[in-house]
Amino acid sequence: TNGNSRLMEMSIAQMQKALEKSDMEAPLPPGHWGDMRQHVFYGALY
C-alpha cells in the first residue's frame, strides 16, 4: 500500500481506460471522521 502500491505505477490514462467498463457514479466525500472515538479507545486498550 501507499508508496508500495501498484497505483504508484499507473497513469491516469490507464485508469480511464479501465473505467470504460464501469458506469458507477462516485459518491460525495463525507465531511466528518467516522469512528475516531472507537479508534482512540481501541488504541488505548491495546
All heavy atoms as atom14 arrays in JSON, in Angstrom:
{
  "sequence": "TNGNSRLMEMSIAQMQKALEKSDMEAPLPPGHWGDMRQHVFYGALY",
  "atom14_mask": [
    [1, 1, 1, 1, 1, 1, 1, 0, 0, 0, 0, 0, 0, 0],
    [1, 1, 1, 1, 1, 1, 1, 1, 0, 0, 0, 0, 0, 0],
    [1, 1, 1, 1, 0, 0, 0, 0, 0, 0, 0, 0, 0, 0],
    [1, 1, 1, 1, 1, 1, 1, 1, 0, 0, 0, 0, 0, 0],
    [1, 1, 1, 1, 1, 1, 0, 0, 0, 0, 0, 0, 0, 0],
    [1, 1, 1, 1, 1, 1, 1, 1, 1, 1, 1, 0, 0, 0],
    [1, 1, 1, 1, 1, 1, 1, 1, 0, 0, 0, 0, 0, 0],
    [1, 1, 1, 1, 1, 1, 1, 1, 0, 0, 0, 0, 0, 0],
    [1, 1, 1, 1, 1, 1, 1, 1, 1, 0, 0, 0, 0, 0],
    [1, 1, 1, 1, 1, 1, 1, 1, 0, 0, 0, 0, 0, 0],
    [1, 1, 1, 1, 1, 1, 0, 0, 0, 0, 0, 0, 0, 0],
    [1, 1, 1, 1, 1, 1, 1, 1, 0, 0, 0, 0, 0, 0],
    [1, 1, 1, 1, 1, 0, 0, 0, 0, 0, 0, 0, 0, 0],
    [1, 1, 1, 1, 1, 1, 1, 1, 1, 0, 0, 0, 0, 0],
    [1, 1, 1, 1, 1, 1, 1, 1, 0, 0, 0, 0, 0, 0],
    [1, 1, 1, 1, 1, 1, 1, 1, 1, 0, 0, 0, 0, 0],
    [1, 1, 1, 1, 1, 1, 1, 1, 1, 0, 0, 0, 0, 0],
    [1, 1, 1, 1, 1, 0, 0, 0, 0, 0, 0, 0, 0, 0],
    [1, 1, 1, 1, 1, 1, 1, 1, 0, 0, 0, 0, 0, 0],
    [1, 1, 1, 1, 1, 1, 1, 1, 1, 0, 0, 0, 0, 0],
    [1, 1, 1, 1, 1, 1, 1, 1, 1, 0, 0, 0, 0, 0],
    [1, 1, 1, 1, 1, 1, 0, 0, 0, 0, 0, 0, 0, 0],
    [1, 1, 1, 1, 1, 1, 1, 1, 0, 0, 0, 0, 0, 0],
    [1, 1, 1, 1, 1, 1, 1, 1, 0, 0, 0, 0, 0, 0],
    [1, 1, 1, 1, 1, 1, 1, 1, 1, 0, 0, 0, 0, 0],
    [1, 1, 1, 1, 1, 0, 0, 0, 0, 0, 0, 0, 0, 0],
    [1, 1, 1, 1, 1, 1, 1, 0, 0, 0, 0, 0, 0, 0],
    [1, 1, 1, 1, 1, 1, 1, 1, 0, 0, 0, 0, 0, 0],
    [1, 1, 1, 1, 1, 1, 1, 0, 0, 0, 0, 0, 0, 0],
    [1, 1, 1, 1, 1, 1, 1, 0, 0, 0, 0, 0, 0, 0],
    [1, 1, 1, 1, 0, 0, 0, 0, 0, 0, 0, 0, 0, 0],
    [1, 1, 1, 1, 1, 1, 1, 1, 1, 1, 0, 0, 0, 0],
    [1, 1, 1, 1, 1, 1, 1, 1, 1, 1, 1, 1, 1, 1],
    [1, 1, 1, 1, 0, 0, 0, 0, 0, 0, 0, 0, 0, 0],
    [1, 1, 1, 1, 1, 1, 1, 1, 0, 0, 0, 0, 0, 0],
    [1, 1, 1, 1, 1, 1, 1, 1, 0, 0, 0, 0, 0, 0],
    [1, 1, 1, 1, 1, 1, 1, 1, 1, 1, 1, 0, 0, 0],
    [1, 1, 1, 1, 1, 1, 1, 1, 1, 0, 0, 0, 0, 0],
    [1, 1, 1, 1, 1, 1, 1, 1, 1, 1, 0, 0, 0, 0],
    [1, 1, 1, 1, 1, 1, 1, 0, 0, 0, 0, 0, 0, 0],
    [1, 1, 1, 1, 1, 1, 1, 1, 1, 1, 1, 0, 0, 0],
    [1, 1, 1, 1, 1, 1, 1, 1, 1, 1, 1, 1, 0, 0],
    [1, 1, 1, 1, 0, 0, 0, 0, 0, 0, 0, 0, 0, 0],
    [1, 1, 1, 1, 1, 0, 0, 0, 0, 0, 0, 0, 0, 0],
    [1, 1, 1, 1, 1, 1, 1, 1, 0, 0, 0, 0, 0, 0],
    [1, 1, 1, 1, 1, 1, 1, 1, 1, 1, 1, 1, 0, 0]
  ],
  "atom14_positions": [
    [[0.84, -1.19, 0.0], [0.0, 0.0, 0.0], [0.88, 1.25, 0.0], [2.09, 1.18, 0.1], [-0.93, 0.04, 1.23], [-0.11, 0.08, 2.43], [-1.86, -1.16, 1.27], [0.0, 0.0, 0.0], [0.0, 0.0, 0.0], [0.0, 0.0, 0.0], [0.0, 0.0, 0.0], [0.0, 0.0, 0.0], [0.0, 0.0, 0.0], [0.0, 0.0, 0.0]],
    [[0.22, 2.41, -0.12], [0.91, 3.7, -0.12], [2.05, 3.69, -1.15], [1.81, 3.43, -2.31], [1.4, 4.04, 1.29], [0.23, 4.31, 2.24], [-0.69, 5.05, 1.92], [0.26, 3.69, 3.43], [0.0, 0.0, 0.0], [0.0, 0.0, 0.0], [0.0, 0.0, 0.0], [0.0, 0.0, 0.0], [0.0, 0.0, 0.0], [0.0, 0.0, 0.0]],
    [[3.27, 3.98, -0.74], [4.38, 4.04, -1.68], [4.72, 2.72, -2.33], [5.45, 2.67, -3.33], [0.0, 0.0, 0.0], [0.0, 0.0, 0.0], [0.0, 0.0, 0.0], [0.0, 0.0, 0.0], [0.0, 0.0, 0.0], [0.0, 0.0, 0.0], [0.0, 0.0, 0.0], [0.0, 0.0, 0.0], [0.0, 0.0, 0.0], [0.0, 0.0, 0.0]],
    [[4.22, 1.61, -1.78], [4.43, 0.28, -2.37], [3.23, -0.2, -3.17], [3.2, -1.36, -3.61], [4.74, -0.74, -1.27], [6.02, -0.42, -0.53], [6.99, 0.06, -1.12], [6.05, -0.66, 0.78], [0.0, 0.0, 0.0], [0.0, 0.0, 0.0], [0.0, 0.0, 0.0], [0.0, 0.0, 0.0], [0.0, 0.0, 0.0], [0.0, 0.0, 0.0]],
    [[2.25, 0.66, -3.38], [1.03, 0.28, -4.09], [1.26, 0.22, -5.6], [2.07, 0.96, -6.16], [-0.08, 1.3, -3.79], [-1.19, 1.12, -4.64], [0.0, 0.0, 0.0], [0.0, 0.0, 0.0], [0.0, 0.0, 0.0], [0.0, 0.0, 0.0], [0.0, 0.0, 0.0], [0.0, 0.0, 0.0], [0.0, 0.0, 0.0], [0.0, 0.0, 0.0]],
    [[0.49, -0.62, -6.27], [0.51, -0.67, -7.74], [0.05, 0.67, -8.33], [0.39, 0.98, -9.49], [-0.4, -1.79, -8.24], [0.18, -3.19, -8.09], [-0.73, -4.21, -8.76], [-0.89, -3.89, -10.18], [-1.93, -4.28, -10.92], [-2.89, -4.99, -10.37], [-2.02, -3.94, -12.2], [0.0, 0.0, 0.0], [0.0, 0.0, 0.0], [0.0, 0.0, 0.0]],
    [[-0.7, 1.45, -7.57], [-1.19, 2.74, -8.06], [-0.04, 3.69, -8.41], [-0.21, 4.57, -9.25], [-2.07, 3.41, -7.0], [-3.44, 2.76, -6.75], [-4.05, 3.33, -5.49], [-4.36, 2.98, -7.94], [0.0, 0.0, 0.0], [0.0, 0.0, 0.0], [0.0, 0.0, 0.0], [0.0, 0.0, 0.0], [0.0, 0.0, 0.0], [0.0, 0.0, 0.0]],
    [[1.1, 3.52, -7.75], [2.22, 4.41, -7.99], [2.71, 4.32, -9.43], [3.26, 5.28, -9.97], [3.38, 4.09, -7.03], [3.03, 4.23, -5.55], [2.58, 5.9, -5.07], [4.11, 6.77, -5.35], [0.0, 0.0, 0.0], [0.0, 0.0, 0.0], [0.0, 0.0, 0.0], [0.0, 0.0, 0.0], [0.0, 0.0, 0.0], [0.0, 0.0, 0.0]],
    [[2.5, 3.18, -10.07], [3.0, 2.96, -11.43], [1.93, 3.2, -12.48], [2.21, 3.13, -13.68], [3.52, 1.52, -11.56], [4.63, 1.17, -10.56], [4.91, -0.3, -10.51], [4.25, -1.06, -11.25], [5.8, -0.71, -9.74], [0.0, 0.0, 0.0], [0.0, 0.0, 0.0], [0.0, 0.0, 0.0], [0.0, 0.0, 0.0], [0.0, 0.0, 0.0]],
    [[0.71, 3.48, -12.08], [-0.38, 3.64, -13.04], [-0.54, 5.08, -13.47], [-0.41, 6.01, -12.66], [-1.7, 3.16, -12.44], [-1.77, 1.68, -12.17], [-3.44, 1.25, -11.61], [-3.1, -0.29, -10.76], [0.0, 0.0, 0.0], [0.0, 0.0, 0.0], [0.0, 0.0, 0.0], [0.0, 0.0, 0.0], [0.0, 0.0, 0.0], [0.0, 0.0, 0.0]],
    [[-0.87, 5.27, -14.72], [-1.18, 6.6, -15.24], [-2.68, 6.83, -15.2], [-3.47, 5.88, -15.13], [-0.67, 6.75, -16.67], [-1.42, 5.92, -17.56], [0.0, 0.0, 0.0], [0.0, 0.0, 0.0], [0.0, 0.0, 0.0], [0.0, 0.0, 0.0], [0.0, 0.0, 0.0], [0.0, 0.0, 0.0], [0.0, 0.0, 0.0], [0.0, 0.0, 0.0]],
    [[-3.07, 8.09, -15.26], [-4.49, 8.42, -15.32], [-5.13, 7.84, -16.58], [-6.27, 7.36, -16.56], [-4.7, 9.94, -15.25], [-4.19, 10.5, -13.92], [-6.16, 10.31, -15.44], [-4.89, 9.95, -12.7], [0.0, 0.0, 0.0], [0.0, 0.0, 0.0], [0.0, 0.0, 0.0], [0.0, 0.0, 0.0], [0.0, 0.0, 0.0], [0.0, 0.0, 0.0]],
    [[-4.39, 7.84, -17.67], [-4.92, 7.27, -18.92], [-5.26, 5.79, -18.76], [-6.3, 5.32, -19.26], [-3.91, 7.47, -20.04], [0.0, 0.0, 0.0], [0.0, 0.0, 0.0], [0.0, 0.0, 0.0], [0.0, 0.0, 0.0], [0.0, 0.0, 0.0], [0.0, 0.0, 0.0], [0.0, 0.0, 0.0], [0.0, 0.0, 0.0], [0.0, 0.0, 0.0]],
    [[-4.41, 5.03, -18.07], [-4.69, 3.61, -17.82], [-5.96, 3.44, -16.99], [-6.78, 2.55, -17.25], [-3.5, 2.96, -17.11], [-2.27, 2.79, -17.98], [-1.09, 2.29, -17.18], [-0.71, 2.84, -16.15], [-0.48, 1.21, -17.64], [0.0, 0.0, 0.0], [0.0, 0.0, 0.0], [0.0, 0.0, 0.0], [0.0, 0.0, 0.0], [0.0, 0.0, 0.0]],
    [[-6.13, 4.29, -15.98], [-7.31, 4.22, -15.13], [-8.56, 4.56, -15.93], [-9.6, 3.91, -15.78], [-7.16, 5.16, -13.94], [-5.99, 4.8, -13.03], [-5.8, 6.01, -11.69], [-4.23, 5.46, -10.99], [0.0, 0.0, 0.0], [0.0, 0.0, 0.0], [0.0, 0.0, 0.0], [0.0, 0.0, 0.0], [0.0, 0.0, 0.0], [0.0, 0.0, 0.0]],
    [[-8.49, 5.58, -16.76], [-9.65, 5.98, -17.57], [-10.06, 4.86, -18.53], [-11.25, 4.63, -18.75], [-9.32, 7.27, -18.33], [-9.23, 8.5, -17.42], [-8.65, 9.71, -18.1], [-7.86, 9.59, -19.05], [-9.02, 10.91, -17.64], [0.0, 0.0, 0.0], [0.0, 0.0, 0.0], [0.0, 0.0, 0.0], [0.0, 0.0, 0.0], [0.0, 0.0, 0.0]],
    [[-9.07, 4.16, -19.07], [-9.4, 3.04, -19.95], [-10.13, 1.94, -19.2], [-11.11, 1.37, -19.7], [-8.12, 2.49, -20.58], [-8.38, 1.38, -21.61], [-7.09, 0.91, -22.26], [-7.38, -0.2, -23.27], [-6.17, -0.68, -23.91], [0.0, 0.0, 0.0], [0.0, 0.0, 0.0], [0.0, 0.0, 0.0], [0.0, 0.0, 0.0], [0.0, 0.0, 0.0]],
    [[-9.66, 1.64, -17.97], [-10.33, 0.61, -17.16], [-11.74, 1.03, -16.79], [-12.65, 0.19, -16.71], [-9.51, 0.33, -15.9], [0.0, 0.0, 0.0], [0.0, 0.0, 0.0], [0.0, 0.0, 0.0], [0.0, 0.0, 0.0], [0.0, 0.0, 0.0], [0.0, 0.0, 0.0], [0.0, 0.0, 0.0], [0.0, 0.0, 0.0], [0.0, 0.0, 0.0]],
    [[-11.96, 2.32, -16.57], [-13.27, 2.81, -16.17], [-14.3, 2.74, -17.29], [-15.49, 2.91, -17.03], [-13.15, 4.26, -15.67], [-12.53, 4.43, -14.27], [-12.27, 5.9, -13.99], [-13.42, 3.82, -13.2], [0.0, 0.0, 0.0], [0.0, 0.0, 0.0], [0.0, 0.0, 0.0], [0.0, 0.0, 0.0], [0.0, 0.0, 0.0], [0.0, 0.0, 0.0]],
    [[-13.86, 2.51, -18.5], [-14.82, 2.35, -19.59], [-15.74, 1.17, -19.36], [-16.83, 1.09, -19.93], [-14.07, 2.19, -20.92], [-13.33, 3.45, -21.36], [-12.47, 3.22, -22.59], [-12.48, 2.06, -23.11], [-11.81, 4.18, -23.07], [0.0, 0.0, 0.0], [0.0, 0.0, 0.0], [0.0, 0.0, 0.0], [0.0, 0.0, 0.0], [0.0, 0.0, 0.0]],
    [[-15.3, 0.24, -18.48], [-16.1, -0.94, -18.17], [-17.07, -0.67, -17.02], [-17.78, -1.57, -16.58], [-15.2, -2.12, -17.8], [-14.19, -2.51, -18.87], [-13.33, -3.66, -18.4], [-12.38, -4.15, -19.5], [-11.32, -3.19, -19.77], [0.0, 0.0, 0.0], [0.0, 0.0, 0.0], [0.0, 0.0, 0.0], [0.0, 0.0, 0.0], [0.0, 0.0, 0.0]],
    [[-17.07, 0.56, -16.48], [-17.9, 0.87, -15.32], [-18.72, 2.12, -15.59], [-18.27, 3.05, -16.24], [-17.0, 1.11, -14.09], [-17.74, 1.7, -13.04], [0.0, 0.0, 0.0], [0.0, 0.0, 0.0], [0.0, 0.0, 0.0], [0.0, 0.0, 0.0], [0.0, 0.0, 0.0], [0.0, 0.0, 0.0], [0.0, 0.0, 0.0], [0.0, 0.0, 0.0]],
    [[-19.93, 2.14, -15.05], [-20.76, 3.34, -15.14], [-21.16, 3.84, -13.75], [-22.12, 4.59, -13.59], [-22.02, 3.08, -15.97], [-22.89, 1.95, -15.41], [-22.49, 1.33, -14.39], [-23.95, 1.67, -16.0], [0.0, 0.0, 0.0], [0.0, 0.0, 0.0], [0.0, 0.0, 0.0], [0.0, 0.0, 0.0], [0.0, 0.0, 0.0], [0.0, 0.0, 0.0]],
    [[-20.4, 3.44, -12.72], [-20.69, 3.87, -11.36], [-20.45, 5.36, -11.21], [-19.46, 5.9, -11.69], [-19.81, 3.1, -10.36], [-20.16, 3.39, -8.9], [-18.91, 2.77, -7.75], [-17.72, 4.11, -7.82], [0.0, 0.0, 0.0], [0.0, 0.0, 0.0], [0.0, 0.0, 0.0], [0.0, 0.0, 0.0], [0.0, 0.0, 0.0], [0.0, 0.0, 0.0]],
    [[-21.34, 6.05, -10.51], [-21.13, 7.45, -10.17], [-20.49, 7.54, -8.79], [-20.95, 6.92, -7.84], [-22.46, 8.22, -10.19], [-23.08, 8.34, -11.57], [-24.25, 9.26, -11.6], [-24.49, 9.94, -10.58], [-24.94, 9.29, -12.63], [0.0, 0.0, 0.0], [0.0, 0.0, 0.0], [0.0, 0.0, 0.0], [0.0, 0.0, 0.0], [0.0, 0.0, 0.0]],
    [[-19.41, 8.31, -8.69], [-18.69, 8.42, -7.42], [-19.52, 9.16, -6.38], [-20.05, 10.23, -6.64], [-17.36, 9.14, -7.63], [0.0, 0.0, 0.0], [0.0, 0.0, 0.0], [0.0, 0.0, 0.0], [0.0, 0.0, 0.0], [0.0, 0.0, 0.0], [0.0, 0.0, 0.0], [0.0, 0.0, 0.0], [0.0, 0.0, 0.0], [0.0, 0.0, 0.0]],
    [[-19.64, 8.62, -5.17], [-20.38, 9.3, -4.12], [-19.62, 10.51, -3.6], [-18.41, 10.61, -3.74], [-20.51, 8.22, -3.03], [-19.34, 7.31, -3.25], [-19.11, 7.31, -4.74], [0.0, 0.0, 0.0], [0.0, 0.0, 0.0], [0.0, 0.0, 0.0], [0.0, 0.0, 0.0], [0.0, 0.0, 0.0], [0.0, 0.0, 0.0], [0.0, 0.0, 0.0]],
    [[-20.34, 11.44, -3.01], [-19.71, 12.6, -2.41], [-18.86, 12.2, -1.22], [-19.21, 11.27, -0.49], [-20.77, 13.61, -1.97], [-21.56, 14.3, -3.08], [-22.7, 15.1, -2.47], [-20.66, 15.22, -3.89], [0.0, 0.0, 0.0], [0.0, 0.0, 0.0], [0.0, 0.0, 0.0], [0.0, 0.0, 0.0], [0.0, 0.0, 0.0], [0.0, 0.0, 0.0]],
    [[-17.76, 12.9, -0.97], [-16.96, 12.59, 0.2], [-17.67, 13.05, 1.46], [-18.28, 14.12, 1.49], [-15.67, 13.39, -0.02], [-16.09, 14.54, -0.85], [-17.2, 14.03, -1.74], [0.0, 0.0, 0.0], [0.0, 0.0, 0.0], [0.0, 0.0, 0.0], [0.0, 0.0, 0.0], [0.0, 0.0, 0.0], [0.0, 0.0, 0.0], [0.0, 0.0, 0.0]],
    [[-17.63, 12.26, 2.53], [-18.25, 12.69, 3.78], [-17.47, 13.82, 4.41], [-16.27, 13.97, 4.19], [-18.2, 11.42, 4.65], [-17.15, 10.6, 4.05], [-17.05, 10.93, 2.61], [0.0, 0.0, 0.0], [0.0, 0.0, 0.0], [0.0, 0.0, 0.0], [0.0, 0.0, 0.0], [0.0, 0.0, 0.0], [0.0, 0.0, 0.0], [0.0, 0.0, 0.0]],
    [[-18.13, 14.62, 5.21], [-17.5, 15.78, 5.8], [-16.98, 15.58, 7.19], [-16.57, 16.56, 7.82], [0.0, 0.0, 0.0], [0.0, 0.0, 0.0], [0.0, 0.0, 0.0], [0.0, 0.0, 0.0], [0.0, 0.0, 0.0], [0.0, 0.0, 0.0], [0.0, 0.0, 0.0], [0.0, 0.0, 0.0], [0.0, 0.0, 0.0], [0.0, 0.0, 0.0]],
    [[-17.03, 14.35, 7.73], [-16.51, 14.16, 9.08], [-15.9, 12.77, 9.21], [-16.13, 11.88, 8.4], [-17.61, 14.34, 10.12], [-18.73, 13.33, 10.02], [-18.71, 12.14, 10.67], [-19.89, 13.37, 9.34], [-19.82, 11.46, 10.4], [-20.54, 12.18, 9.6], [0.0, 0.0, 0.0], [0.0, 0.0, 0.0], [0.0, 0.0, 0.0], [0.0, 0.0, 0.0]],
    [[-15.12, 12.62, 10.25], [-14.47, 11.36, 10.52], [-15.47, 10.39, 11.13], [-16.26, 10.75, 11.98], [-13.29, 11.55, 11.46], [-12.12, 12.17, 10.79], [-12.0, 13.45, 10.36], [-10.91, 11.52, 10.42], [-10.79, 13.64, 9.74], [-10.11, 12.48, 9.77], [-10.42, 10.24, 10.57], [-8.85, 12.19, 9.28], [-9.16, 9.94, 10.08], [-8.4, 10.91, 9.44]],
    [[-15.43, 9.15, 10.73], [-16.4, 8.16, 11.13], [-16.25, 7.64, 12.54], [-17.04, 7.94, 13.41], [0.0, 0.0, 0.0], [0.0, 0.0, 0.0], [0.0, 0.0, 0.0], [0.0, 0.0, 0.0], [0.0, 0.0, 0.0], [0.0, 0.0, 0.0], [0.0, 0.0, 0.0], [0.0, 0.0, 0.0], [0.0, 0.0, 0.0], [0.0, 0.0, 0.0]],
    [[-15.22, 6.85, 12.8], [-15.13, 6.16, 14.08], [-13.88, 6.55, 14.86], [-13.14, 5.72, 15.35], [-15.2, 4.65, 13.87], [-14.27, 4.15, 12.76], [-13.47, 4.94, 12.23], [-14.34, 2.96, 12.45], [0.0, 0.0, 0.0], [0.0, 0.0, 0.0], [0.0, 0.0, 0.0], [0.0, 0.0, 0.0], [0.0, 0.0, 0.0], [0.0, 0.0, 0.0]],
    [[-13.64, 7.85, 14.99], [-12.45, 8.35, 15.67], [-12.42, 7.97, 17.14], [-11.38, 7.58, 17.68], [-12.36, 9.87, 15.52], [-11.09, 10.49, 16.13], [-9.59, 9.81, 15.4], [-9.76, 10.34, 13.73], [0.0, 0.0, 0.0], [0.0, 0.0, 0.0], [0.0, 0.0, 0.0], [0.0, 0.0, 0.0], [0.0, 0.0, 0.0], [0.0, 0.0, 0.0]],
    [[-13.55, 8.09, 17.83], [-13.59, 7.75, 19.25], [-13.24, 6.29, 19.49], [-12.49, 5.95, 20.4], [-14.96, 8.08, 19.85], [-15.27, 9.55, 19.97], [-16.56, 9.79, 20.71], [-17.7, 9.17, 20.06], [-18.42, 9.72, 19.09], [-18.11, 10.92, 18.69], [-19.45, 9.09, 18.56], [0.0, 0.0, 0.0], [0.0, 0.0, 0.0], [0.0, 0.0, 0.0]],
    [[-13.82, 5.41, 18.65], [-13.51, 3.98, 18.76], [-12.05, 3.7, 18.45], [-11.42, 2.86, 19.09], [-14.42, 3.17, 17.83], [-15.9, 3.22, 18.21], [-16.66, 4.31, 17.47], [-16.1, 5.36, 17.14], [-17.92, 4.06, 17.21], [0.0, 0.0, 0.0], [0.0, 0.0, 0.0], [0.0, 0.0, 0.0], [0.0, 0.0, 0.0], [0.0, 0.0, 0.0]],
    [[-11.5, 4.4, 17.47], [-10.1, 4.26, 17.12], [-9.21, 4.56, 18.32], [-8.31, 3.78, 18.66], [-9.78, 5.2, 15.96], [-8.44, 4.97, 15.33], [-8.1, 5.46, 14.09], [-7.33, 4.31, 15.77], [-6.87, 5.1, 13.79], [-6.38, 4.42, 14.8], [0.0, 0.0, 0.0], [0.0, 0.0, 0.0], [0.0, 0.0, 0.0], [0.0, 0.0, 0.0]],
    [[-9.44, 5.69, 18.96], [-8.65, 6.08, 20.12], [-8.86, 5.11, 21.27], [-7.91, 4.72, 21.97], [-8.99, 7.53, 20.54], [-8.25, 7.9, 21.82], [-8.62, 8.51, 19.42], [0.0, 0.0, 0.0], [0.0, 0.0, 0.0], [0.0, 0.0, 0.0], [0.0, 0.0, 0.0], [0.0, 0.0, 0.0], [0.0, 0.0, 0.0], [0.0, 0.0, 0.0]],
    [[-10.11, 4.68, 21.5], [-10.41, 3.74, 22.59], [-9.66, 2.42, 22.42], [-9.01, 1.93, 23.35], [-11.92, 3.48, 22.66], [-12.3, 2.35, 23.58], [-12.28, 2.52, 24.96], [-12.65, 1.11, 23.06], [-12.61, 1.46, 25.8], [-12.98, 0.05, 23.9], [-12.96, 0.23, 25.27], [0.0, 0.0, 0.0], [0.0, 0.0, 0.0], [0.0, 0.0, 0.0]],
    [[-9.75, 1.83, 21.22], [-9.07, 0.55, 20.99], [-7.55, 0.7, 21.05], [-6.85, -0.21, 21.49], [-9.5, -0.05, 19.66], [-10.85, -0.72, 19.71], [-11.86, -0.38, 18.81], [-11.12, -1.72, 20.65], [-13.09, -1.0, 18.85], [-12.36, -2.34, 20.7], [-13.35, -1.97, 19.8], [-14.58, -2.59, 19.85], [0.0, 0.0, 0.0], [0.0, 0.0, 0.0]],
    [[-7.05, 1.85, 20.62], [-5.62, 2.09, 20.74], [-5.17, 2.1, 22.19], [-4.14, 1.51, 22.55], [0.0, 0.0, 0.0], [0.0, 0.0, 0.0], [0.0, 0.0, 0.0], [0.0, 0.0, 0.0], [0.0, 0.0, 0.0], [0.0, 0.0, 0.0], [0.0, 0.0, 0.0], [0.0, 0.0, 0.0], [0.0, 0.0, 0.0], [0.0, 0.0, 0.0]],
    [[-5.93, 2.79, 23.05], [-5.61, 2.83, 24.47], [-5.71, 1.45, 25.1], [-4.84, 1.04, 25.88], [-6.54, 3.81, 25.18], [0.0, 0.0, 0.0], [0.0, 0.0, 0.0], [0.0, 0.0, 0.0], [0.0, 0.0, 0.0], [0.0, 0.0, 0.0], [0.0, 0.0, 0.0], [0.0, 0.0, 0.0], [0.0, 0.0, 0.0], [0.0, 0.0, 0.0]],
    [[-6.76, 0.69, 24.76], [-6.96, -0.64, 25.34], [-5.84, -1.59, 24.91], [-5.31, -2.37, 25.72], [-8.33, -1.18, 24.92], [-8.77, -2.51, 25.55], [-8.83, -2.38, 27.06], [-10.15, -2.91, 25.0], [0.0, 0.0, 0.0], [0.0, 0.0, 0.0], [0.0, 0.0, 0.0], [0.0, 0.0, 0.0], [0.0, 0.0, 0.0], [0.0, 0.0, 0.0]],
    [[-5.49, -1.54, 23.63], [-4.4, -2.38, 23.12], [-3.11, -2.13, 23.89], [-2.43, -3.07, 24.33], [-4.23, -2.08, 21.63], [-3.11, -2.84, 20.94], [-3.36, -4.05, 20.31], [-1.82, -2.34, 20.88], [-2.36, -4.75, 19.65], [-0.8, -3.03, 20.23], [-1.08, -4.23, 19.62], [-0.07, -4.92, 18.97], [0.0, 0.0, 0.0], [0.0, 0.0, 0.0]]
  ]
}
